[in-house]
Amino acid sequence: QVQLEESGGGLVQTGDSLRLSCAFSGPTSVAYAMGWFRQAPGKEREFVAAISWSGGSTYVADSLKGRFIISREYGKDTVYLQMNSLKPEDTAVYYCAADQGGAVNSGSRNPIGYEYWGQGTQVTVSS
């Protein structure tokens, strides 16, 4: 049983940085593509970034490149989302997701491809 637990959200000011963590637990005999999505009130869930199980491939939404960085830490099976120069429009609930056997490519943007989801962590950026 795969479980994902996000942490690290909170209230920050414009221009601040924040690092979200996603702790993965479950069978690791297969690889997973790991993704971050976000959803603001009244909006659809939006792709943020994805990383391969090896960490060798990453994919960040074009609009977030240069500010958001995805990475993973071996041994702890944890995926991180480093968010810099935060803006009020980054305010959302951020979700971690896992795609069993998935590859990291343009298809990573589609939330339908992810079988497992965390509960989400709230990020609020004040102006």
Foldseek 3Di string as FASTA:
>chain_A
DKAKAKDWADEEAAFAKTKMKIFIDDDDPFWKKKFKWWDDPPDDIWGAKIATRVRPDIDGPPVQPPFWDWGADPPRRMIMIIGGRDDQVVWTWMKMFIQTNDDDDPVVGDPVRTDDIHPTDTHGYHD
